[in-house]
Amino acid sequence: MALPFLMALLSMGTTLSGIRSQNKALSSQAQQMASGAVRQTQSDLDLLELRKSQVSTTITLEQVRRMRQGQRERSTLAARLADAGVAGGTTVRDAVASVIQEETDLATLETKKDWNVNQILMEQREAVTRGQSKINQAQGLLSQRTQAGPGVLQLIGAGLSGYASGKQLEPMFVGPKTNRVKAGEPGVDAQGFWV
């Protein structure tokens, strides 16, 4: 009668050990996935911030270069006016055209900078969304862990299965009741061996 209970206990112990190791593995995997997602997201955001700074600096340098070019053009035109000693119509038109072109170029560069910054901001939002998605996947792994209710049912099922297996194996170890021998008398067990 002890064999079925022993088999039930062994089966339940094995099942419990399996549940624990599965839960531990899922928790570890989820934790690694979540921390990896956080690191990747932070890396992506840092890289995008660096790119935004580089683009902004590059465009600002182009704007400064264009302003200096406009100043040189106007200085040249002012020198031509001084040499001529008169305010010629063509020179004034050239000075006005230079100012207008400079302002147009600066506005175009500013618009380009704004577009690049907006593009990088969208990429940053996308990086955060990707990171959040991976964290959600990690939380999904955590929800796959066996909870107390299903775990108890698994243990009961394993115990019943072990008990049934023990009941089936018991006659092999104990033998049928008709073949049992009294203590001190020779006899044959279920496998045909002398006892």
N, C-alpha and C. Protein backbone atom coordinates (compact mmCIF):
# COMPACT_ATOMS: atom_id res chain seq x y z
N MET A 1 0.82 -1.19 0.00
CA MET A 1 0.00 0.00 0.00
C MET A 1 0.86 1.26 0.00
N ALA A 2 2.10 1.18 0.42
CA ALA A 2 2.97 2.35 0.49
C ALA A 2 3.51 2.73 -0.88
N LEU A 3 3.62 1.78 -1.80
CA LEU A 3 4.17 2.05 -3.12
C LEU A 3 3.34 3.09 -3.88
N PRO A 4 2.02 3.01 -3.93
CA PRO A 4 1.26 4.04 -4.65
C PRO A 4 1.45 5.43 -4.07
N PHE A 5 1.52 5.52 -2.73
CA PHE A 5 1.73 6.84 -2.11
C PHE A 5 3.13 7.36 -2.42
N LEU A 6 4.11 6.47 -2.41
CA LEU A 6 5.48 6.87 -2.74
C LEU A 6 5.55 7.35 -4.18
N MET A 7 4.92 6.62 -5.10
CA MET A 7 4.91 7.01 -6.51
C MET A 7 4.18 8.36 -6.69
N ALA A 8 3.09 8.55 -5.94
CA ALA A 8 2.36 9.81 -6.01
C ALA A 8 3.23 10.96 -5.54
N LEU A 9 3.94 10.78 -4.43
CA LEU A 9 4.82 11.83 -3.91
C LEU A 9 5.95 12.13 -4.87
N LEU A 10 6.56 11.11 -5.45
CA LEU A 10 7.65 11.32 -6.40
C LEU A 10 7.15 12.06 -7.64
N SER A 11 6.00 11.67 -8.14
CA SER A 11 5.44 12.32 -9.32
C SER A 11 5.11 13.78 -9.03
N MET A 12 4.54 14.05 -7.86
CA MET A 12 4.21 15.43 -7.49
C MET A 12 5.48 16.26 -7.31
N GLY A 13 6.51 15.66 -6.70
CA GLY A 13 7.78 16.37 -6.51
C GLY A 13 8.43 16.71 -7.83
N THR A 14 8.41 15.76 -8.77
CA THR A 14 8.98 16.01 -10.10
C THR A 14 8.22 17.12 -10.82
N THR A 15 6.89 17.08 -10.74
CA THR A 15 6.07 18.11 -11.39
C THR A 15 6.32 19.48 -10.77
N LEU A 16 6.38 19.54 -9.46
CA LEU A 16 6.63 20.81 -8.78
C LEU A 16 8.00 21.37 -9.17
N SER A 17 8.98 20.51 -9.24
CA SER A 17 10.32 20.95 -9.64
C SER A 17 10.30 21.48 -11.07
N GLY A 18 9.55 20.81 -11.95
CA GLY A 18 9.44 21.27 -13.34
C GLY A 18 8.77 22.62 -13.43
N ILE A 19 7.70 22.81 -12.65
CA ILE A 19 6.98 24.09 -12.65
C ILE A 19 7.90 25.20 -12.17
N ARG A 20 8.62 24.93 -11.11
CA ARG A 20 9.52 25.97 -10.57
C ARG A 20 10.61 26.34 -11.57
N SER A 21 11.22 25.32 -12.18
CA SER A 21 12.30 25.63 -13.13
C SER A 21 11.77 26.35 -14.36
N GLN A 22 10.56 25.98 -14.82
CA GLN A 22 9.96 26.67 -15.96
C GLN A 22 9.66 28.13 -15.59
N ASN A 23 9.10 28.34 -14.42
CA ASN A 23 8.80 29.71 -13.98
C ASN A 23 10.08 30.54 -13.84
N LYS A 24 11.11 29.92 -13.30
CA LYS A 24 12.38 30.64 -13.12
C LYS A 24 12.98 31.00 -14.48
N ALA A 25 12.93 30.06 -15.43
CA ALA A 25 13.47 30.32 -16.76
C ALA A 25 12.69 31.42 -17.46
N LEU A 26 11.36 31.39 -17.36
CA LEU A 26 10.55 32.43 -17.99
C LEU A 26 10.81 33.79 -17.35
N SER A 27 10.95 33.81 -16.03
CA SER A 27 11.24 35.09 -15.34
C SER A 27 12.58 35.64 -15.77
N SER A 28 13.57 34.77 -15.85
CA SER A 28 14.91 35.20 -16.25
C SER A 28 14.90 35.72 -17.69
N GLN A 29 14.23 34.98 -18.57
CA GLN A 29 14.16 35.39 -19.97
C GLN A 29 13.43 36.73 -20.10
N ALA A 30 12.35 36.89 -19.36
CA ALA A 30 11.58 38.15 -19.41
C ALA A 30 12.43 39.31 -18.90
N GLN A 31 13.16 39.07 -17.82
CA GLN A 31 14.00 40.14 -17.26
C GLN A 31 15.10 40.53 -18.24
N GLN A 32 15.73 39.54 -18.88
CA GLN A 32 16.77 39.83 -19.86
C GLN A 32 16.19 40.59 -21.05
N MET A 33 15.01 40.17 -21.51
CA MET A 33 14.38 40.82 -22.65
C MET A 33 14.04 42.27 -22.32
N ALA A 34 13.50 42.50 -21.13
CA ALA A 34 13.11 43.86 -20.74
C ALA A 34 14.34 44.76 -20.58
N SER A 35 15.38 44.25 -19.92
CA SER A 35 16.57 45.09 -19.74
C SER A 35 17.27 45.33 -21.08
N GLY A 36 17.23 44.35 -21.96
CA GLY A 36 17.79 44.55 -23.31
C GLY A 36 17.02 45.60 -24.08
N ALA A 37 15.70 45.59 -23.93
CA ALA A 37 14.86 46.59 -24.61
C ALA A 37 15.15 47.99 -24.08
N VAL A 38 15.33 48.10 -22.78
CA VAL A 38 15.64 49.41 -22.19
C VAL A 38 16.99 49.91 -22.70
N ARG A 39 17.99 49.02 -22.69
CA ARG A 39 19.33 49.42 -23.17
C ARG A 39 19.29 49.82 -24.65
N GLN A 40 18.59 49.03 -25.47
CA GLN A 40 18.52 49.33 -26.91
C GLN A 40 17.79 50.64 -27.15
N THR A 41 16.70 50.86 -26.44
CA THR A 41 15.94 52.11 -26.61
C THR A 41 16.80 53.30 -26.21
N GLN A 42 17.50 53.20 -25.09
CA GLN A 42 18.36 54.30 -24.65
C GLN A 42 19.47 54.56 -25.65
N SER A 43 20.04 53.50 -26.20
CA SER A 43 21.09 53.64 -27.20
C SER A 43 20.55 54.32 -28.46
N ASP A 44 19.35 53.89 -28.91
CA ASP A 44 18.74 54.50 -30.08
C ASP A 44 18.46 55.99 -29.84
N LEU A 45 17.94 56.31 -28.66
CA LEU A 45 17.63 57.71 -28.34
C LEU A 45 18.90 58.55 -28.28
N ASP A 46 19.97 58.00 -27.69
CA ASP A 46 21.24 58.73 -27.63
C ASP A 46 21.79 58.99 -29.03
N LEU A 47 21.71 57.97 -29.88
CA LEU A 47 22.21 58.10 -31.25
C LEU A 47 21.40 59.14 -32.02
N LEU A 48 20.09 59.11 -31.86
CA LEU A 48 19.25 60.09 -32.55
C LEU A 48 19.49 61.51 -32.02
N GLU A 49 19.71 61.64 -30.74
CA GLU A 49 20.00 62.96 -30.16
C GLU A 49 21.32 63.50 -30.71
N LEU A 50 22.31 62.62 -30.83
CA LEU A 50 23.60 63.02 -31.41
C LEU A 50 23.41 63.46 -32.86
N ARG A 51 22.63 62.67 -33.62
CA ARG A 51 22.38 63.04 -35.02
C ARG A 51 21.65 64.37 -35.12
N LYS A 52 20.69 64.61 -34.24
CA LYS A 52 19.95 65.87 -34.24
C LYS A 52 20.92 67.03 -33.99
N SER A 53 21.82 66.85 -33.04
CA SER A 53 22.79 67.89 -32.73
C SER A 53 23.72 68.15 -33.92
N GLN A 54 24.17 67.06 -34.57
CA GLN A 54 25.06 67.20 -35.72
C GLN A 54 24.37 67.91 -36.88
N VAL A 55 23.12 67.53 -37.16
CA VAL A 55 22.38 68.17 -38.25
C VAL A 55 22.17 69.64 -37.94
N SER A 56 21.79 69.93 -36.71
CA SER A 56 21.54 71.32 -36.32
C SER A 56 22.82 72.15 -36.44
N THR A 57 23.94 71.60 -35.99
CA THR A 57 25.22 72.30 -36.07
C THR A 57 25.63 72.53 -37.52
N THR A 58 25.46 71.50 -38.35
CA THR A 58 25.83 71.62 -39.76
C THR A 58 25.01 72.71 -40.46
N ILE A 59 23.72 72.72 -40.21
CA ILE A 59 22.86 73.72 -40.86
C ILE A 59 23.15 75.12 -40.32
N THR A 60 23.42 75.22 -39.03
CA THR A 60 23.77 76.53 -38.46
C THR A 60 25.06 77.06 -39.08
N LEU A 61 26.03 76.17 -39.27
CA LEU A 61 27.28 76.59 -39.94
C LEU A 61 27.02 77.03 -41.38
N GLU A 62 26.11 76.34 -42.08
CA GLU A 62 25.75 76.76 -43.44
C GLU A 62 25.09 78.13 -43.42
N GLN A 63 24.24 78.38 -42.42
CA GLN A 63 23.59 79.69 -42.31
C GLN A 63 24.62 80.79 -42.05
N VAL A 64 25.56 80.54 -41.17
CA VAL A 64 26.61 81.53 -40.87
C VAL A 64 27.44 81.80 -42.13
N ARG A 65 27.78 80.70 -42.84
CA ARG A 65 28.55 80.86 -44.08
C ARG A 65 27.77 81.72 -45.08
N ARG A 66 26.46 81.48 -45.19
CA ARG A 66 25.64 82.24 -46.14
C ARG A 66 25.53 83.71 -45.72
N MET A 67 25.43 83.99 -44.42
CA MET A 67 25.38 85.39 -43.96
C MET A 67 26.68 86.10 -44.28
N ARG A 68 27.80 85.42 -44.08
CA ARG A 68 29.10 86.04 -44.40
C ARG A 68 29.21 86.31 -45.89
N GLN A 69 28.73 85.36 -46.68
CA GLN A 69 28.77 85.55 -48.13
C GLN A 69 27.92 86.77 -48.51
N GLY A 70 26.76 86.93 -47.89
CA GLY A 70 25.90 88.09 -48.16
C GLY A 70 26.58 89.39 -47.76
N GLN A 71 27.28 89.37 -46.61
CA GLN A 71 28.00 90.58 -46.19
C GLN A 71 29.10 90.92 -47.18
N ARG A 72 29.80 89.89 -47.67
CA ARG A 72 30.87 90.15 -48.65
C ARG A 72 30.29 90.73 -49.95
N GLU A 73 29.15 90.18 -50.39
CA GLU A 73 28.52 90.70 -51.61
C GLU A 73 28.12 92.16 -51.44
N ARG A 74 27.52 92.48 -50.28
CA ARG A 74 27.09 93.86 -50.05
C ARG A 74 28.29 94.80 -49.88
N SER A 75 29.35 94.29 -49.28
CA SER A 75 30.57 95.11 -49.15
C SER A 75 31.14 95.42 -50.53
N THR A 76 31.14 94.43 -51.39
CA THR A 76 31.64 94.62 -52.76
C THR A 76 30.77 95.65 -53.49
N LEU A 77 29.46 95.52 -53.33
CA LEU A 77 28.54 96.47 -53.97
C LEU A 77 28.72 97.88 -53.40
N ALA A 78 28.92 97.97 -52.09
CA ALA A 78 29.14 99.29 -51.47
C ALA A 78 30.43 99.91 -52.00
N ALA A 79 31.46 99.10 -52.19
CA ALA A 79 32.71 99.63 -52.73
C ALA A 79 32.51 100.10 -54.16
N ARG A 80 31.73 99.38 -54.94
CA ARG A 80 31.46 99.80 -56.31
C ARG A 80 30.70 101.13 -56.33
N LEU A 81 29.76 101.27 -55.39
CA LEU A 81 29.01 102.53 -55.32
C LEU A 81 29.94 103.69 -54.93
N ALA A 82 30.86 103.44 -54.01
CA ALA A 82 31.79 104.49 -53.57
C ALA A 82 32.72 104.87 -54.70
N ASP A 83 33.16 103.89 -55.47
CA ASP A 83 34.05 104.18 -56.59
C ASP A 83 33.33 104.98 -57.67
N ALA A 84 32.09 104.64 -57.88
CA ALA A 84 31.35 105.32 -58.94
C ALA A 84 30.96 106.72 -58.49
N GLY A 85 30.79 106.90 -57.21
CA GLY A 85 30.44 108.21 -56.68
C GLY A 85 28.98 108.55 -56.88
N VAL A 86 28.27 107.64 -57.39
CA VAL A 86 26.84 107.88 -57.61
C VAL A 86 26.08 106.66 -57.15
N ALA A 87 24.83 106.84 -56.92
CA ALA A 87 23.98 105.73 -56.54
C ALA A 87 23.34 105.18 -57.80
N GLY A 88 24.03 104.28 -58.46
CA GLY A 88 23.51 103.70 -59.71
C GLY A 88 22.40 102.72 -59.44
N GLY A 89 21.43 102.66 -60.35
CA GLY A 89 20.27 101.79 -60.19
C GLY A 89 20.63 100.31 -60.20
N THR A 90 21.58 99.92 -61.04
CA THR A 90 21.94 98.51 -61.15
C THR A 90 22.60 98.03 -59.87
N THR A 91 23.46 98.83 -59.29
CA THR A 91 24.16 98.45 -58.07
C THR A 91 23.18 98.32 -56.91
N VAL A 92 22.21 99.22 -56.80
CA VAL A 92 21.21 99.14 -55.74
C VAL A 92 20.36 97.89 -55.93
N ARG A 93 19.98 97.64 -57.19
CA ARG A 93 19.19 96.42 -57.46
C ARG A 93 19.98 95.17 -57.08
N ASP A 94 21.28 95.18 -57.37
CA ASP A 94 22.12 94.04 -57.01
C ASP A 94 22.19 93.87 -55.49
N ALA A 95 22.27 94.98 -54.75
CA ALA A 95 22.33 94.91 -53.29
C ALA A 95 21.02 94.36 -52.74
N VAL A 96 19.90 94.84 -53.26
CA VAL A 96 18.59 94.35 -52.82
C VAL A 96 18.44 92.87 -53.15
N ALA A 97 18.83 92.49 -54.34
CA ALA A 97 18.75 91.08 -54.76
C ALA A 97 19.61 90.20 -53.87
N SER A 98 20.78 90.70 -53.46
CA SER A 98 21.68 89.96 -52.58
C SER A 98 21.03 89.72 -51.22
N VAL A 99 20.39 90.78 -50.68
CA VAL A 99 19.73 90.65 -49.38
C VAL A 99 18.56 89.67 -49.47
N ILE A 100 17.78 89.80 -50.54
CA ILE A 100 16.63 88.91 -50.71
C ILE A 100 17.10 87.45 -50.86
N GLN A 101 18.14 87.23 -51.66
CA GLN A 101 18.64 85.86 -51.85
C GLN A 101 19.20 85.29 -50.55
N GLU A 102 19.90 86.14 -49.80
CA GLU A 102 20.45 85.69 -48.51
C GLU A 102 19.32 85.28 -47.57
N GLU A 103 18.28 86.11 -47.46
CA GLU A 103 17.15 85.79 -46.59
C GLU A 103 16.44 84.52 -47.04
N THR A 104 16.30 84.33 -48.34
CA THR A 104 15.68 83.12 -48.87
C THR A 104 16.51 81.89 -48.53
N ASP A 105 17.82 82.01 -48.72
CA ASP A 105 18.71 80.89 -48.42
C ASP A 105 18.67 80.55 -46.92
N LEU A 106 18.68 81.58 -46.06
CA LEU A 106 18.64 81.35 -44.61
C LEU A 106 17.32 80.70 -44.20
N ALA A 107 16.22 81.16 -44.80
CA ALA A 107 14.91 80.57 -44.49
C ALA A 107 14.84 79.11 -44.94
N THR A 108 15.41 78.83 -46.12
CA THR A 108 15.44 77.46 -46.62
C THR A 108 16.24 76.56 -45.69
N LEU A 109 17.37 77.06 -45.24
CA LEU A 109 18.20 76.28 -44.32
C LEU A 109 17.48 76.06 -42.98
N GLU A 110 16.79 77.08 -42.50
CA GLU A 110 16.04 76.94 -41.24
C GLU A 110 14.92 75.90 -41.40
N THR A 111 14.24 75.94 -42.53
CA THR A 111 13.19 74.95 -42.80
C THR A 111 13.78 73.54 -42.86
N LYS A 112 14.93 73.43 -43.50
CA LYS A 112 15.61 72.12 -43.59
C LYS A 112 15.96 71.62 -42.19
N LYS A 113 16.43 72.53 -41.33
CA LYS A 113 16.76 72.16 -39.96
C LYS A 113 15.51 71.68 -39.22
N ASP A 114 14.41 72.42 -39.37
CA ASP A 114 13.16 72.03 -38.70
C ASP A 114 12.68 70.66 -39.17
N TRP A 115 12.76 70.42 -40.47
CA TRP A 115 12.32 69.13 -41.00
C TRP A 115 13.17 67.99 -40.44
N ASN A 116 14.48 68.22 -40.41
CA ASN A 116 15.38 67.19 -39.87
C ASN A 116 15.10 66.93 -38.38
N VAL A 117 14.89 67.99 -37.62
CA VAL A 117 14.59 67.83 -36.20
C VAL A 117 13.27 67.07 -36.01
N ASN A 118 12.25 67.43 -36.81
CA ASN A 118 10.97 66.72 -36.72
C ASN A 118 11.11 65.25 -37.10
N GLN A 119 11.91 64.98 -38.14
CA GLN A 119 12.15 63.59 -38.54
C GLN A 119 12.82 62.81 -37.41
N ILE A 120 13.80 63.41 -36.78
CA ILE A 120 14.50 62.74 -35.68
C ILE A 120 13.57 62.54 -34.49
N LEU A 121 12.70 63.51 -34.21
CA LEU A 121 11.73 63.35 -33.13
C LEU A 121 10.79 62.17 -33.41
N MET A 122 10.36 62.02 -34.66
CA MET A 122 9.51 60.88 -35.02
C MET A 122 10.28 59.56 -34.84
N GLU A 123 11.55 59.55 -35.22
CA GLU A 123 12.36 58.34 -35.04
C GLU A 123 12.56 58.03 -33.56
N GLN A 124 12.67 59.07 -32.72
CA GLN A 124 12.79 58.85 -31.28
C GLN A 124 11.50 58.23 -30.73
N ARG A 125 10.36 58.74 -31.17
CA ARG A 125 9.08 58.16 -30.73
C ARG A 125 8.98 56.70 -31.17
N GLU A 126 9.43 56.42 -32.40
CA GLU A 126 9.42 55.05 -32.92
C GLU A 126 10.33 54.15 -32.08
N ALA A 127 11.48 54.66 -31.68
CA ALA A 127 12.40 53.87 -30.84
C ALA A 127 11.76 53.56 -29.49
N VAL A 128 11.08 54.54 -28.92
CA VAL A 128 10.40 54.32 -27.64
C VAL A 128 9.28 53.29 -27.82
N THR A 129 8.54 53.39 -28.91
CA THR A 129 7.46 52.43 -29.17
C THR A 129 8.01 51.02 -29.34
N ARG A 130 9.13 50.89 -30.08
CA ARG A 130 9.76 49.57 -30.23
C ARG A 130 10.19 49.02 -28.89
N GLY A 131 10.79 49.87 -28.07
CA GLY A 131 11.21 49.44 -26.73
C GLY A 131 10.03 49.02 -25.88
N GLN A 132 8.95 49.79 -25.94
CA GLN A 132 7.75 49.43 -25.17
C GLN A 132 7.17 48.11 -25.65
N SER A 133 7.22 47.88 -26.95
CA SER A 133 6.71 46.62 -27.50
C SER A 133 7.51 45.43 -26.96
N LYS A 134 8.83 45.59 -26.90
CA LYS A 134 9.66 44.50 -26.37
C LYS A 134 9.42 44.29 -24.88
N ILE A 135 9.19 45.36 -24.16
CA ILE A 135 8.87 45.23 -22.73
C ILE A 135 7.53 44.52 -22.56
N ASN A 136 6.57 44.83 -23.44
CA ASN A 136 5.28 44.14 -23.39
C ASN A 136 5.44 42.66 -23.69
N GLN A 137 6.34 42.32 -24.61
CA GLN A 137 6.62 40.90 -24.90
C GLN A 137 7.20 40.22 -23.66
N ALA A 138 8.08 40.92 -22.97
CA ALA A 138 8.67 40.36 -21.75
C ALA A 138 7.58 40.15 -20.69
N GLN A 139 6.66 41.09 -20.58
CA GLN A 139 5.56 40.92 -19.63
C GLN A 139 4.68 39.75 -20.04
N GLY A 140 4.54 39.51 -21.34
CA GLY A 140 3.80 38.35 -21.83
C GLY A 140 4.45 37.05 -21.39
N LEU A 141 5.79 37.04 -21.39
CA LEU A 141 6.50 35.84 -20.90
C LEU A 141 6.20 35.61 -19.43
N LEU A 142 6.14 36.69 -18.67
CA LEU A 142 5.84 36.55 -17.24
C LEU A 142 4.44 35.98 -17.03
N SER A 143 3.51 36.33 -17.91
CA SER A 143 2.15 35.82 -17.75
C SER A 143 2.06 34.35 -18.13
N GLN A 144 3.07 33.82 -18.81
CA GLN A 144 3.08 32.40 -19.17
C GLN A 144 3.50 31.52 -18.01
N ARG A 145 4.01 32.13 -16.95
CA ARG A 145 4.41 31.33 -15.80
C ARG A 145 3.20 30.63 -15.23
N THR A 146 3.43 29.46 -14.66
CA THR A 146 2.34 28.70 -14.05
C THR A 146 1.97 29.35 -12.74
N GLN A 147 0.71 29.72 -12.61
CA GLN A 147 0.23 30.36 -11.40
C GLN A 147 -0.18 29.30 -10.39
N ALA A 148 -0.59 29.72 -9.21
CA ALA A 148 -0.90 28.80 -8.11
C ALA A 148 -2.05 27.86 -8.47
N GLY A 149 -3.15 28.36 -9.03
CA GLY A 149 -4.30 27.52 -9.33
C GLY A 149 -3.96 26.40 -10.30
N PRO A 150 -3.48 26.72 -11.50
CA PRO A 150 -3.11 25.66 -12.44
C PRO A 150 -1.98 24.78 -11.90
N GLY A 151 -1.08 25.35 -11.12
CA GLY A 151 0.01 24.55 -10.54
C GLY A 151 -0.52 23.49 -9.60
N VAL A 152 -1.50 23.85 -8.78
CA VAL A 152 -2.10 22.88 -7.86
C VAL A 152 -2.79 21.77 -8.64
N LEU A 153 -3.47 22.16 -9.72
CA LEU A 153 -4.14 21.15 -10.55
C LEU A 153 -3.12 20.21 -11.19
N GLN A 154 -2.01 20.75 -11.64
CA GLN A 154 -0.96 19.90 -12.20
C GLN A 154 -0.41 18.95 -11.15
N LEU A 155 -0.21 19.47 -9.94
CA LEU A 155 0.29 18.62 -8.86
C LEU A 155 -0.70 17.51 -8.52
N ILE A 156 -1.99 17.84 -8.46
CA ILE A 156 -3.00 16.83 -8.16
C ILE A 156 -3.02 15.77 -9.26
N GLY A 157 -2.97 16.24 -10.50
CA GLY A 157 -2.95 15.30 -11.63
C GLY A 157 -1.73 14.40 -11.59
N ALA A 158 -0.57 14.98 -11.27
CA ALA A 158 0.66 14.18 -11.18
C ALA A 158 0.56 13.18 -10.04
N GLY A 159 -0.02 13.61 -8.92
CA GLY A 159 -0.19 12.71 -7.77
C GLY A 159 -1.10 11.56 -8.10
N LEU A 160 -2.22 11.85 -8.76
CA LEU A 160 -3.15 10.78 -9.13
C LEU A 160 -2.52 9.82 -10.14
N SER A 161 -1.79 10.38 -11.08
CA SER A 161 -1.11 9.53 -12.07
C SER A 161 -0.07 8.65 -11.39
N GLY A 162 0.70 9.24 -10.48
CA GLY A 162 1.71 8.46 -9.75
C GLY A 162 1.06 7.38 -8.88
N TYR A 163 -0.06 7.72 -8.26
CA TYR A 163 -0.76 6.75 -7.42
C TYR A 163 -1.26 5.58 -8.27
N ALA A 164 -1.83 5.90 -9.44
CA ALA A 164 -2.33 4.84 -10.33
C ALA A 164 -1.18 3.97 -10.81
N SER A 165 -0.05 4.57 -11.17
CA SER A 165 1.11 3.79 -11.60
C SER A 165 1.60 2.90 -10.47
N GLY A 166 1.62 3.44 -9.27
CA GLY A 166 2.04 2.64 -8.10
C GLY A 166 1.11 1.49 -7.85
N LYS A 167 -0.19 1.71 -8.03
CA LYS A 167 -1.17 0.64 -7.85
C LYS A 167 -0.94 -0.47 -8.86
N GLN A 168 -0.58 -0.08 -10.10
CA GLN A 168 -0.33 -1.09 -11.14
C GLN A 168 0.96 -1.86 -10.87
N LEU A 169 1.95 -1.19 -10.32
CA LEU A 169 3.24 -1.84 -10.06
C LEU A 169 3.28 -2.60 -8.74
N GLU A 170 2.37 -2.33 -7.85
CA GLU A 170 2.39 -2.92 -6.52
C GLU A 170 2.39 -4.45 -6.55
N PRO A 171 1.60 -5.10 -7.39
CA PRO A 171 1.62 -6.57 -7.39
C PRO A 171 2.99 -7.14 -7.77
N MET A 172 3.76 -6.40 -8.57
CA MET A 172 5.09 -6.89 -8.96
C MET A 172 6.03 -6.92 -7.77
N PHE A 173 5.87 -6.00 -6.85
CA PHE A 173 6.78 -5.93 -5.72
C PHE A 173 6.27 -6.69 -4.50
N VAL A 174 4.97 -6.74 -4.35
CA VAL A 174 4.41 -7.38 -3.17
C VAL A 174 3.92 -8.79 -3.51
N GLY A 175 3.40 -8.98 -4.72
CA GLY A 175 2.87 -10.28 -5.13
C GLY A 175 1.41 -10.39 -4.72
N PRO A 176 0.69 -11.34 -5.32
CA PRO A 176 -0.72 -11.50 -4.96
C PRO A 176 -0.86 -12.01 -3.53
N LYS A 177 -2.00 -11.75 -2.93
CA LYS A 177 -2.23 -12.12 -1.53
C LYS A 177 -2.22 -13.64 -1.35
N THR A 178 -2.56 -14.40 -2.35
CA THR A 178 -2.62 -15.86 -2.21
C THR A 178 -1.24 -16.48 -2.13
N ASN A 179 -0.23 -15.86 -2.72
CA ASN A 179 1.12 -16.43 -2.72
C ASN A 179 1.96 -15.97 -1.55
N ARG A 180 1.42 -15.19 -0.65
CA ARG A 180 2.23 -14.67 0.45
C ARG A 180 2.57 -15.82 1.40
N VAL A 181 3.77 -15.81 1.88
CA VAL A 181 4.25 -16.82 2.80
C VAL A 181 4.37 -16.24 4.19
N LYS A 182 4.21 -17.07 5.16
CA LYS A 182 4.36 -16.60 6.53
C LYS A 182 5.83 -16.45 6.85
N ALA A 183 6.11 -15.64 7.81
CA ALA A 183 7.50 -15.37 8.19
C ALA A 183 8.17 -16.67 8.59
N GLY A 184 9.38 -16.89 8.10
CA GLY A 184 10.17 -18.05 8.46
C GLY A 184 9.95 -19.23 7.53
N GLU A 185 8.96 -19.19 6.66
CA GLU A 185 8.71 -20.30 5.74
C GLU A 185 9.23 -19.93 4.36
N PRO A 186 9.83 -20.91 3.66
CA PRO A 186 10.28 -20.63 2.30
C PRO A 186 9.08 -20.47 1.37
N GLY A 187 9.24 -19.65 0.34
CA GLY A 187 8.17 -19.44 -0.61
C GLY A 187 8.70 -18.83 -1.91
N VAL A 188 7.83 -18.63 -2.87
CA VAL A 188 8.18 -18.07 -4.18
C VAL A 188 7.45 -16.73 -4.32
N ASP A 189 8.21 -15.71 -4.77
CA ASP A 189 7.56 -14.40 -4.95
C ASP A 189 6.91 -14.31 -6.33
N ALA A 190 6.40 -13.12 -6.71
CA ALA A 190 5.65 -12.94 -7.96
C ALA A 190 6.50 -13.19 -9.19
N GLN A 191 7.81 -12.99 -9.10
CA GLN A 191 8.69 -13.21 -10.25
C GLN A 191 9.21 -14.65 -10.31
N GLY A 192 8.89 -15.45 -9.33
CA GLY A 192 9.34 -16.84 -9.32
C GLY A 192 10.61 -17.08 -8.55
N PHE A 193 11.03 -16.10 -7.76
CA PHE A 193 12.26 -16.27 -6.96
C PHE A 193 11.91 -16.78 -5.58
N TRP A 194 12.84 -17.58 -5.03
CA TRP A 194 12.64 -18.08 -3.65
C TRP A 194 12.87 -16.94 -2.67
N VAL A 195 12.03 -16.91 -1.67
CA VAL A 195 12.19 -15.93 -0.59
C VAL A 195 12.41 -16.59 0.73
